[in-house]
Amino acid sequence: MLIAIDAGGTAVKVVAFDLEGVEIATETADVPTQHHPDGRVERDLEPFWTGTVSALRRLTAACAGREILGVGCTGFGNGIFLVDEDGRATRPGIVSVDHRAQPLVDALTKTGAAREISAVTGHRLWGGQTVMQIARLAQTEPEVMARTRWALACKDVIRLRLTGAALTDPSDASGGGLVDLASGDYATEVLERLGLGAHLHRLPPIVASDAVAGRISREAAEATGLPQGTPVAGSMMDVAACSLGAGAVDAPVLTMIAGTWSINSLESDAPLGDAAPILNMLYRGDKRLIAEGSPSSAANLGWFLDRALGQRVGVDEANALVAASRATGRRCQFMPYVFGPEPRRGSFVDLGATDDLGTMLRAIYEGVAFQARRHAEDAVGLAGQVFPGTIRLAGGAAKSPVWTQIFADICQRPVEAVRAGEVGALGAAICAAVASGAYRDLAEATARMTGTARRDVPDPTLAELYETRFRAFRRFDLGLAAMMMD
């Protein structure tokens, strides 16, 4: 049995898998995340760790008697957690949707330095990016940085508490904009240019995702029920772990994650041209994972049901209302930017007297899928590839057959909903399977442990309709974004 820990934007899920990738048991702990009025988004480490420990304790009790071969951790990419020598937080952790560093990005863009940095790191600079967050903290909180021993990614701070080892993996290090992709090591010249020369020792060593990156300590074993000495894998950030859990290894597929973030990725060699994607990670051997995305996905539906409708309508009823709303009927458009990115804002556009709750919900489902298609086309272009013939869909939207059909119709590609309910956790478990010696490499483990639950094929009669609506969506988006910038 393998144990995976998946620390997301709102909760921590711990999942037990067998060696075929079948979920044995799952436990969840809600984790408080503070959304401040000024746009800062933070997470206190102690409640984060306490919730993780509680979930692990319940899971190990539920699976008592089964041998645990290994542990894998994944979590949201970017953002940062700062800890001292003893692994205690020197300030609250920063979540990736926090964009306090955007003014620094804007300044670097204005001088042309951003392009020069991107040429080394392979990533477009953005406000929630790890390297930008550290640089901003070095400027604004030097006393905190002085108390800090390690600057860690989300999954890495959990592994530190489990093992006592401060390490990271290539996906989090490179995905955070910290690595020179040509050398595979930290981008020292870039970091010094950003004023971080005195902080290089705070960055953890990089180990392979499928390697052993520590073992469960005595203290962690007593707290969680995990056996002392169990190997813990280097693992991957959630975007890469989801791609792995979706089975997108040596396969002509594009992975779409539709959760809080819309992340659209594909395996690739180094991207072509000078343009830099939001994610250009060292992934698997000499393979990159090229991704485009934004916080503009299925969480918009959660906001609408919870905040706008006051929880009077649940997800099942929403799916039924969308299914009953004809795709060919007239309806509004939805801009899926309730959670950003700046300067965009969520909105319904082109509302008419014939719109009702069903058409508004369909517009939300479509808006999320339109934005995913837009990001996917950008990622494919940056990778210098043609759009793959099949889409693998994971995240909240993948659990809704009506939504997966909308994705298929909008993209005019078959959409395969992944089999795993917790696809990111499965990716972490795959890393643990290799680290523990159960499989030879990630390709073998992925082939054995992943699969799809269903396949939705596009309706060709809707191709023209959705092409027209997609063009209108882009026009509305560009116009509204320009207006918000004025």
Foldseek 3Di string as FASTA:
>chain_A
DEWEWEAEDFKIKIFDADLLQDTDDMFIFTFDWDQDPVQFIFGAVPSVLLRVLVRLQVVCVVVPPDDYLAYFYAYAAFWKFFAALVLHGLDTTTHLLRQPLQVVLVVCVVVVNQLVLCVFLLARDGRRANLSVVLVCVVVPVVSLVRTQAIDTPRQSNVCVFFVFREAEQQRCSLSSQGRLVVSHGPQVSCVVSVCNVPPSRYHYYDHQLAFRGFGDPVSCVSRVHDGGRTYGNHHYLVLLLCLLLLQDPDLAWEFEFAQKTKIKHKFARFDDSDGASGFTDHFVRITIFIHMDRQGDVLVVCCCCPVVVVPDDPVNLLVLLVPDDPPDDAWAWARACSDDPPDHIDTGPGDPPDDSSRVSNNSLLNRLLRSLVRNVVRCVRRVHDHGQEYEYAYDQLVRPSSLQSNCQLNQHKYFYWPDNSSSSSSRSLSGCSNSPVDVGSSVSSVSNIDTDDIHGYDVVCNVVSVVVSVVSVVVRVVRNVVSVD
